[in-house]
Every structure is written in structure tokens, then in C-alpha cells.
PDB file of N, CA and C in Angstrom:
ATOM      1  N   MET A   1    -194.247  -0.954 109.533  1.00  0.00           N
ATOM      2  CA  MET A   1    -192.728  -1.644 109.455  1.00  0.00           C
ATOM      3  C   MET A   1    -192.210  -1.390 111.111  1.00  0.00           C
ATOM      4  N   THR A   2    -191.565  -2.413 111.776  1.00  0.00           N
ATOM      5  CA  THR A   2    -190.963  -2.423 112.963  1.00  0.00           C
ATOM      6  C   THR A   2    -189.666  -1.891 112.775  1.00  0.00           C
ATOM      7  N   ARG A   3    -188.902  -1.399 113.388  1.00  0.00           N
ATOM      8  CA  ARG A   3    -187.343  -0.823 113.724  1.00  0.00           C
ATOM      9  C   ARG A   3    -186.698  -1.892 113.450  1.00  0.00           C
ATOM     10  N   VAL A   4    -185.803  -2.038 112.861  1.00  0.00           N
ATOM     11  CA  VAL A   4    -184.582  -2.868 112.386  1.00  0.00           C
ATOM     12  C   VAL A   4    -183.885  -3.270 113.832  1.00  0.00           C
ATOM     13  N   PRO A   5    -183.396  -4.229 114.071  1.00  0.00           N
ATOM     14  CA  PRO A   5    -182.550  -4.315 115.326  1.00  0.00           C
ATOM     15  C   PRO A   5    -180.935  -4.406 115.334  1.00  0.00           C
ATOM     16  N   ARG A   6    -180.379  -3.107 116.155  1.00  0.00           N
ATOM     17  CA  ARG A   6    -179.092  -3.073 116.062  1.00  0.00           C
ATOM     18  C   ARG A   6    -178.129  -4.349 116.445  1.00  0.00           C
ATOM     19  N   LEU A   7    -177.656  -4.946 115.530  1.00  0.00           N
ATOM     20  CA  LEU A   7    -176.423  -6.214 115.603  1.00  0.00           C
ATOM     21  C   LEU A   7    -175.107  -5.842 114.763  1.00  0.00           C
ATOM     22  N   THR A   8    -174.246  -6.712 115.480  1.00  0.00           N
ATOM     23  CA  THR A   8    -173.172  -6.924 114.627  1.00  0.00           C
ATOM     24  C   THR A   8    -173.144  -8.049 113.512  1.00  0.00           C
ATOM     25  N   GLY A   9    -172.226  -8.007 112.655  1.00  0.00           N
ATOM     26  CA  GLY A   9    -172.621  -8.632 111.712  1.00  0.00           C
ATOM     27  C   GLY A   9    -172.598 -10.311 112.041  1.00  0.00           C
ATOM     28  N   ASN A  10    -171.741 -10.578 113.067  1.00  0.00           N
ATOM     29  CA  ASN A  10    -171.726 -11.846 113.256  1.00  0.00           C
ATOM     30  C   ASN A  10    -173.005 -12.335 114.291  1.00  0.00           C
ATOM     31  N   GLU A  11    -173.621 -11.570 114.708  1.00  0.00           N
ATOM     32  CA  GLU A  11    -174.828 -11.766 115.585  1.00  0.00           C
ATOM     33  C   GLU A  11    -175.694 -11.806 114.802  1.00  0.00           C
ATOM     34  N   LEU A  12    -176.133 -11.126 113.212  1.00  0.00           N
ATOM     35  CA  LEU A  12    -176.608 -11.119 112.203  1.00  0.00           C
ATOM     36  C   LEU A  12    -176.798 -12.751 111.478  1.00  0.00           C
ATOM     37  N   ILE A  13    -175.333 -12.880 111.416  1.00  0.00           N
ATOM     38  CA  ILE A  13    -174.960 -14.189 110.578  1.00  0.00           C
ATOM     39  C   ILE A  13    -175.771 -15.374 111.431  1.00  0.00           C
ATOM     40  N   ALA A  14    -175.487 -15.212 112.679  1.00  0.00           N
ATOM     41  CA  ALA A  14    -176.185 -16.412 113.561  1.00  0.00           C
ATOM     42  C   ALA A  14    -177.700 -16.306 113.382  1.00  0.00           C
ATOM     43  N   ALA A  15    -178.206 -15.454 113.330  1.00  0.00           N
ATOM     44  CA  ALA A  15    -179.784 -15.394 113.490  1.00  0.00           C
ATOM     45  C   ALA A  15    -180.013 -16.102 112.088  1.00  0.00           C
ATOM     46  N   LEU A  16    -179.365 -15.361 110.937  1.00  0.00           N
ATOM     47  CA  LEU A  16    -179.873 -16.149 109.738  1.00  0.00           C
ATOM     48  C   LEU A  16    -179.453 -17.733 109.772  1.00  0.00           C
ATOM     49  N   ALA A  17    -178.226 -18.029 110.037  1.00  0.00           N
ATOM     50  CA  ALA A  17    -178.275 -19.477 110.269  1.00  0.00           C
ATOM     51  C   ALA A  17    -179.319 -20.143 110.808  1.00  0.00           C
ATOM     52  N   LYS A  18    -180.023 -19.685 111.682  1.00  0.00           N
ATOM     53  CA  LYS A  18    -181.107 -20.055 112.677  1.00  0.00           C
ATOM     54  C   LYS A  18    -182.438 -20.347 111.414  1.00  0.00           C
ATOM     55  N   LEU A  19    -182.354 -19.317 110.437  1.00  0.00           N
ATOM     56  CA  LEU A  19    -183.403 -19.436 109.500  1.00  0.00           C
ATOM     57  C   LEU A  19    -182.898 -20.158 108.273  1.00  0.00           C
ATOM     58  N   GLY A  20    -181.916 -20.976 108.528  1.00  0.00           N
ATOM     59  CA  GLY A  20    -181.677 -21.885 107.266  1.00  0.00           C
ATOM     60  C   GLY A  20    -180.879 -21.481 106.349  1.00  0.00           C
ATOM     61  N   PHE A  21    -180.161 -20.441 106.804  1.00  0.00           N
ATOM     62  CA  PHE A  21    -179.010 -19.577 105.513  1.00  0.00           C
ATOM     63  C   PHE A  21    -177.459 -20.481 106.303  1.00  0.00           C
ATOM     64  N   GLU A  22    -176.694 -20.922 105.362  1.00  0.00           N
ATOM     65  CA  GLU A  22    -175.319 -21.141 105.461  1.00  0.00           C
ATOM     66  C   GLU A  22    -174.180 -20.125 104.798  1.00  0.00           C
ATOM     67  N   VAL A  23    -173.229 -20.054 105.324  1.00  0.00           N
ATOM     68  CA  VAL A  23    -172.063 -19.441 104.844  1.00  0.00           C
ATOM     69  C   VAL A  23    -171.279 -20.282 103.575  1.00  0.00           C
ATOM     70  N   VAL A  24    -171.246 -19.995 102.397  1.00  0.00           N
ATOM     71  CA  VAL A  24    -170.712 -20.326 101.549  1.00  0.00           C
ATOM     72  C   VAL A  24    -169.377 -20.199 101.338  1.00  0.00           C
ATOM     73  N   ARG A  25    -169.198 -19.085 101.464  1.00  0.00           N
ATOM     74  CA  ARG A  25    -167.790 -18.652 101.329  1.00  0.00           C
ATOM     75  C   ARG A  25    -167.270 -17.327 102.159  1.00  0.00           C
ATOM     76  N   VAL A  26    -166.391 -17.053 102.383  1.00  0.00           N
ATOM     77  CA  VAL A  26    -165.533 -15.465 103.036  1.00  0.00           C
ATOM     78  C   VAL A  26    -164.660 -14.904 102.261  1.00  0.00           C
ATOM     79  N   ARG A  27    -164.863 -13.680 102.011  1.00  0.00           N
ATOM     80  CA  ARG A  27    -163.733 -13.277 101.197  1.00  0.00           C
ATOM     81  C   ARG A  27    -163.464 -11.637 102.173  1.00  0.00           C
ATOM     82  N   GLY A  28    -162.361 -11.789 102.731  1.00  0.00           N
ATOM     83  CA  GLY A  28    -162.031 -10.568 103.617  1.00  0.00           C
ATOM     84  C   GLY A  28    -162.782 -10.679 104.983  1.00  0.00           C
ATOM     85  N   SER A  29    -163.814  -9.513 105.084  1.00  0.00           N
ATOM     86  CA  SER A  29    -165.102  -9.781 106.127  1.00  0.00           C
ATOM     87  C   SER A  29    -166.213  -9.932 105.944  1.00  0.00           C
ATOM     88  N   HIS A  30    -166.291 -10.167 104.630  1.00  0.00           N
ATOM     89  CA  HIS A  30    -167.739 -10.371 103.934  1.00  0.00           C
ATOM     90  C   HIS A  30    -168.225 -11.682 103.738  1.00  0.00           C
ATOM     91  N   HIS A  31    -169.271 -11.840 104.340  1.00  0.00           N
ATOM     92  CA  HIS A  31    -169.815 -13.697 104.580  1.00  0.00           C
ATOM     93  C   HIS A  31    -170.696 -13.704 103.420  1.00  0.00           C
ATOM     94  N   PHE A  32    -170.374 -14.323 102.791  1.00  0.00           N
ATOM     95  CA  PHE A  32    -171.712 -14.821 101.570  1.00  0.00           C
ATOM     96  C   PHE A  32    -172.568 -15.779 102.163  1.00  0.00           C
ATOM     97  N   LEU A  33    -173.827 -15.924 102.359  1.00  0.00           N
ATOM     98  CA  LEU A  33    -174.735 -16.519 102.766  1.00  0.00           C
ATOM     99  C   LEU A  33    -175.824 -17.223 101.643  1.00  0.00           C
ATOM    100  N   ARG A  34    -176.203 -18.433 101.603  1.00  0.00           N
ATOM    101  CA  ARG A  34    -177.213 -18.790 100.718  1.00  0.00           C
ATOM    102  C   ARG A  34    -177.862 -19.879 101.758  1.00  0.00           C
ATOM    103  N   HIS A  35    -179.387 -19.662 100.920  1.00  0.00           N
ATOM    104  CA  HIS A  35    -180.332 -20.700 101.580  1.00  0.00           C
ATOM    105  C   HIS A  35    -180.433 -21.582 100.625  1.00  0.00           C
ATOM    106  N   ALA A  36    -181.172 -22.872 101.085  1.00  0.00           N
ATOM    107  CA  ALA A  36    -181.557 -23.909 100.156  1.00  0.00           C
ATOM    108  C   ALA A  36    -182.416 -23.249  98.963  1.00  0.00           C
ATOM    109  N   ASP A  37    -183.241 -22.849  99.115  1.00  0.00           N
ATOM    110  CA  ASP A  37    -184.159 -22.316  97.836  1.00  0.00           C
ATOM    111  C   ASP A  37    -183.560 -21.087  97.174  1.00  0.00           C
ATOM    112  N   GLY A  38    -182.473 -21.122  97.437  1.00  0.00           N
ATOM    113  CA  GLY A  38    -181.702 -19.750  96.313  1.00  0.00           C
ATOM    114  C   GLY A  38    -181.382 -18.532  96.874  1.00  0.00           C
ATOM    115  N   ARG A  39    -182.081 -17.847  97.992  1.00  0.00           N
ATOM    116  CA  ARG A  39    -181.814 -16.935  98.333  1.00  0.00           C
ATOM    117  C   ARG A  39    -180.452 -16.777  99.034  1.00  0.00           C
ATOM    118  N   SER A  40    -179.822 -15.287  98.875  1.00  0.00           N
ATOM    119  CA  SER A  40    -178.672 -15.332  98.792  1.00  0.00           C
ATOM    120  C   SER A  40    -177.986 -13.688  99.242  1.00  0.00           C
ATOM    121  N   THR A  41    -177.244 -13.602 100.083  1.00  0.00           N
ATOM    122  CA  THR A  41    -177.056 -12.241 100.389  1.00  0.00           C
ATOM    123  C   THR A  41    -175.309 -12.006 101.302  1.00  0.00           C
ATOM    124  N   VAL A  42    -174.978 -10.802 101.082  1.00  0.00           N
ATOM    125  CA  VAL A  42    -173.569 -10.648 101.557  1.00  0.00           C
ATOM    126  C   VAL A  42    -173.525  -9.990 103.186  1.00  0.00           C
ATOM    127  N   VAL A  43    -172.963 -10.333 103.950  1.00  0.00           N
ATOM    128  CA  VAL A  43    -173.171  -9.801 105.147  1.00  0.00           C
ATOM    129  C   VAL A  43    -171.293  -9.431 105.890  1.00  0.00           C
ATOM    130  N   PRO A  44    -171.474  -8.020 106.183  1.00  0.00           N
ATOM    131  CA  PRO A  44    -170.035  -7.601 106.639  1.00  0.00           C
ATOM    132  C   PRO A  44    -170.229  -8.005 108.138  1.00  0.00           C
ATOM    133  N   ALA A  45    -169.072  -8.654 107.986  1.00  0.00           N
ATOM    134  CA  ALA A  45    -168.632  -8.994 109.758  1.00  0.00           C
ATOM    135  C   ALA A  45    -167.254  -8.365 110.198  1.00  0.00           C
ATOM    136  N   HIS A  46    -167.345  -7.056 110.358  1.00  0.00           N
ATOM    137  CA  HIS A  46    -166.142  -6.302 110.981  1.00  0.00           C
ATOM    138  C   HIS A  46    -166.200  -6.390 112.394  1.00  0.00           C
ATOM    139  N   ALA A  47    -164.851  -6.354 113.076  1.00  0.00           N
ATOM    140  CA  ALA A  47    -164.862  -6.982 114.339  1.00  0.00           C
ATOM    141  C   ALA A  47    -165.471  -6.051 115.469  1.00  0.00           C
ATOM    142  N   GLY A  48    -166.827  -6.165 115.825  1.00  0.00           N
ATOM    143  CA  GLY A  48    -167.231  -5.758 116.883  1.00  0.00           C
ATOM    144  C   GLY A  48    -168.361  -4.481 116.410  1.00  0.00           C
ATOM    145  N   GLU A  49    -168.093  -3.929 115.088  1.00  0.00           N
ATOM    146  CA  GLU A  49    -168.763  -3.311 114.609  1.00  0.00           C
ATOM    147  C   GLU A  49    -170.169  -3.436 114.716  1.00  0.00           C
ATOM    148  N   VAL A  50    -171.185  -2.548 114.861  1.00  0.00           N
ATOM    149  CA  VAL A  50    -172.496  -2.695 114.536  1.00  0.00           C
ATOM    150  C   VAL A  50    -173.029  -2.331 113.302  1.00  0.00           C
ATOM    151  N   LEU A  51    -173.581  -2.912 112.522  1.00  0.00           N
ATOM    152  CA  LEU A  51    -174.252  -2.541 111.495  1.00  0.00           C
ATOM    153  C   LEU A  51    -175.437  -1.439 111.170  1.00  0.00           C
ATOM    154  N   GLY A  52    -175.303  -0.522 110.426  1.00  0.00           N
ATOM    155  CA  GLY A  52    -176.101   0.478 110.324  1.00  0.00           C
ATOM    156  C   GLY A  52    -177.762  -0.161 109.772  1.00  0.00           C
ATOM    157  N   PRO A  53    -178.712   0.721 110.329  1.00  0.00           N
ATOM    158  CA  PRO A  53    -180.023   0.026 110.002  1.00  0.00           C
ATOM    159  C   PRO A  53    -180.369  -0.080 108.511  1.00  0.00           C
ATOM    160  N   GLY A  54    -179.770   0.614 107.652  1.00  0.00           N
ATOM    161  CA  GLY A  54    -179.843   0.423 106.345  1.00  0.00           C
ATOM    162  C   GLY A  54    -179.124  -0.964 105.523  1.00  0.00           C
ATOM    163  N   ILE A  55    -178.090  -1.118 106.026  1.00  0.00           N
ATOM    164  CA  ILE A  55    -177.177  -2.216 105.460  1.00  0.00           C
ATOM    165  C   ILE A  55    -178.293  -3.544 106.202  1.00  0.00           C
ATOM    166  N   THR A  56    -178.774  -3.514 107.359  1.00  0.00           N
ATOM    167  CA  THR A  56    -179.578  -4.796 107.838  1.00  0.00           C
ATOM    168  C   THR A  56    -180.851  -4.713 107.260  1.00  0.00           C
ATOM    169  N   ALA A  57    -181.441  -3.437 106.859  1.00  0.00           N
ATOM    170  CA  ALA A  57    -182.870  -3.672 106.263  1.00  0.00           C
ATOM    171  C   ALA A  57    -182.463  -4.070 104.825  1.00  0.00           C
ATOM    172  N   LYS A  58    -181.328  -3.852 104.232  1.00  0.00           N
ATOM    173  CA  LYS A  58    -181.062  -4.258 102.776  1.00  0.00           C
ATOM    174  C   LYS A  58    -181.028  -5.704 102.973  1.00  0.00           C
ATOM    175  N   ILE A  59    -180.294  -6.528 103.838  1.00  0.00           N
ATOM    176  CA  ILE A  59    -179.861  -7.852 104.042  1.00  0.00           C
ATOM    177  C   ILE A  59    -181.343  -8.396 104.391  1.00  0.00           C
ATOM    178  N   LEU A  60    -181.687  -8.293 104.703  1.00  0.00           N
ATOM    179  CA  LEU A  60    -183.216  -8.699 105.351  1.00  0.00           C
ATOM    180  C   LEU A  60    -184.383  -8.605 104.042  1.00  0.00           C
ATOM    181  N   ARG A  61    -184.041  -7.691 103.279  1.00  0.00           N
ATOM    182  CA  ARG A  61    -184.750  -7.452 101.728  1.00  0.00           C
ATOM    183  C   ARG A  61    -184.366  -8.624 100.819  1.00  0.00           C
ATOM    184  N   ASP A  62    -182.924  -8.950 101.022  1.00  0.00           N
ATOM    185  CA  ASP A  62    -182.426  -9.554 100.066  1.00  0.00           C
ATOM    186  C   ASP A  62    -182.614 -11.141 100.110  1.00  0.00           C
ATOM    187  N   CYS A  63    -183.038 -11.438 101.767  1.00  0.00           N
ATOM    188  CA  CYS A  63    -183.090 -12.690 102.359  1.00  0.00           C
ATOM    189  C   CYS A  63    -184.869 -12.909 102.295  1.00  0.00           C
ATOM    190  N   ASP A  64    -185.392 -12.137 102.054  1.00  0.00           N
ATOM    191  CA  ASP A  64    -186.966 -12.111 102.225  1.00  0.00           C
ATOM    192  C   ASP A  64    -187.101 -12.495 103.699  1.00  0.00           C
ATOM    193  N   VAL A  65    -186.564 -11.768 104.502  1.00  0.00           N
ATOM    194  CA  VAL A  65    -186.939 -12.265 105.932  1.00  0.00           C
ATOM    195  C   VAL A  65    -187.473 -10.709 106.650  1.00  0.00           C
ATOM    196  N   SER A  66    -188.854 -10.963 107.234  1.00  0.00           N
ATOM    197  CA  SER A  66    -189.060  -9.846 108.040  1.00  0.00           C
ATOM    198  C   SER A  66    -188.107  -9.404 109.512  1.00  0.00           C
ATOM    199  N   THR A  67    -188.205  -8.099 109.921  1.00  0.00           N
ATOM    200  CA  THR A  67    -187.702  -8.054 110.845  1.00  0.00           C
ATOM    201  C   THR A  67    -188.448  -8.760 112.007  1.00  0.00           C
ATOM    202  N   ASP A  68    -189.780  -8.891 112.192  1.00  0.00           N
ATOM    203  CA  ASP A  68    -190.087 -10.027 113.098  1.00  0.00           C
ATOM    204  C   ASP A  68    -189.722 -11.185 113.298  1.00  0.00           C
ATOM    205  N   ALA A  69    -189.457 -11.785 112.084  1.00  0.00           N
ATOM    206  CA  ALA A  69    -188.956 -13.106 111.829  1.00  0.00           C
ATOM    207  C   ALA A  69    -187.287 -13.114 112.623  1.00  0.00           C
ATOM    208  N   LEU A  70    -186.801 -12.008 112.346  1.00  0.00           N
ATOM    209  CA  LEU A  70    -185.630 -11.771 112.916  1.00  0.00           C
ATOM    210  C   LEU A  70    -185.489 -11.608 114.283  1.00  0.00           C
ATOM    211  N   ARG A  71    -186.416 -10.980 114.869  1.00  0.00           N
ATOM    212  CA  ARG A  71    -186.234 -10.965 116.082  1.00  0.00           C
ATOM    213  C   ARG A  71    -186.550 -12.269 117.017  1.00  0.00           C
ATOM    214  N   ASP A  72    -187.584 -12.995 116.352  1.00  0.00           N
ATOM    215  CA  ASP A  72    -187.897 -14.285 116.796  1.00  0.00           C
ATOM    216  C   ASP A  72    -186.673 -15.262 117.317  1.00  0.00           C
ATOM    217  N   ARG A  73    -185.831 -14.838 116.172  1.00  0.00           N
ATOM    218  CA  ARG A  73    -184.670 -15.996 116.306  1.00  0.00           C
ATOM    219  C   ARG A  73    -183.502 -15.221 116.571  1.00  0.00           C
ATOM    220  N   LEU A  74    -183.498 -14.354 117.810  1.00  0.00           N
ATOM    221  CA  LEU A  74    -182.577 -13.316 118.114  1.00  0.00           C
ATOM    222  C   LEU A  74    -182.337 -14.253 119.723  1.00  0.00           C
TER     223      LEU A  74
END
């Protein structure tokens, strides 16, 4: 498995949007994203803060997206 890229929450949301996810609601700094096929996740988008590799990997598992697919959308 390749290393998870270090991204901010907003960068990750933008990459997931290119993969077909859309923000369905926001509560505070947490953005709830859903895909048309039912996959969903929550991305914390704190101002300028880089997400840790563990939370990024968890979000990618929730979305069933590989790190290589994510890198292609950056």
C-alpha cells in the first residue's frame, strides 16, 4: 500500500468531489459527503490544518477509494 498524501480537509473534499462525492451538509467544521451509490464519510475541514495519515486513511476506507485513485485526482 502506498503512503497516504498529506492534505488539508478542503483539499481532500475537492479531490473527493472529483470522484463524484458531494457535500450534503456541514456541521461546524465537519463536512458530510455522500456519493450517488450510497458511500459516505465525514471530513473535518479545520482552517489550514493538515489531516493526519490515520484519519485520511479512514476516510479513504469509508469511501472505498484507493490512495492511487486519490493521487490521480489531486
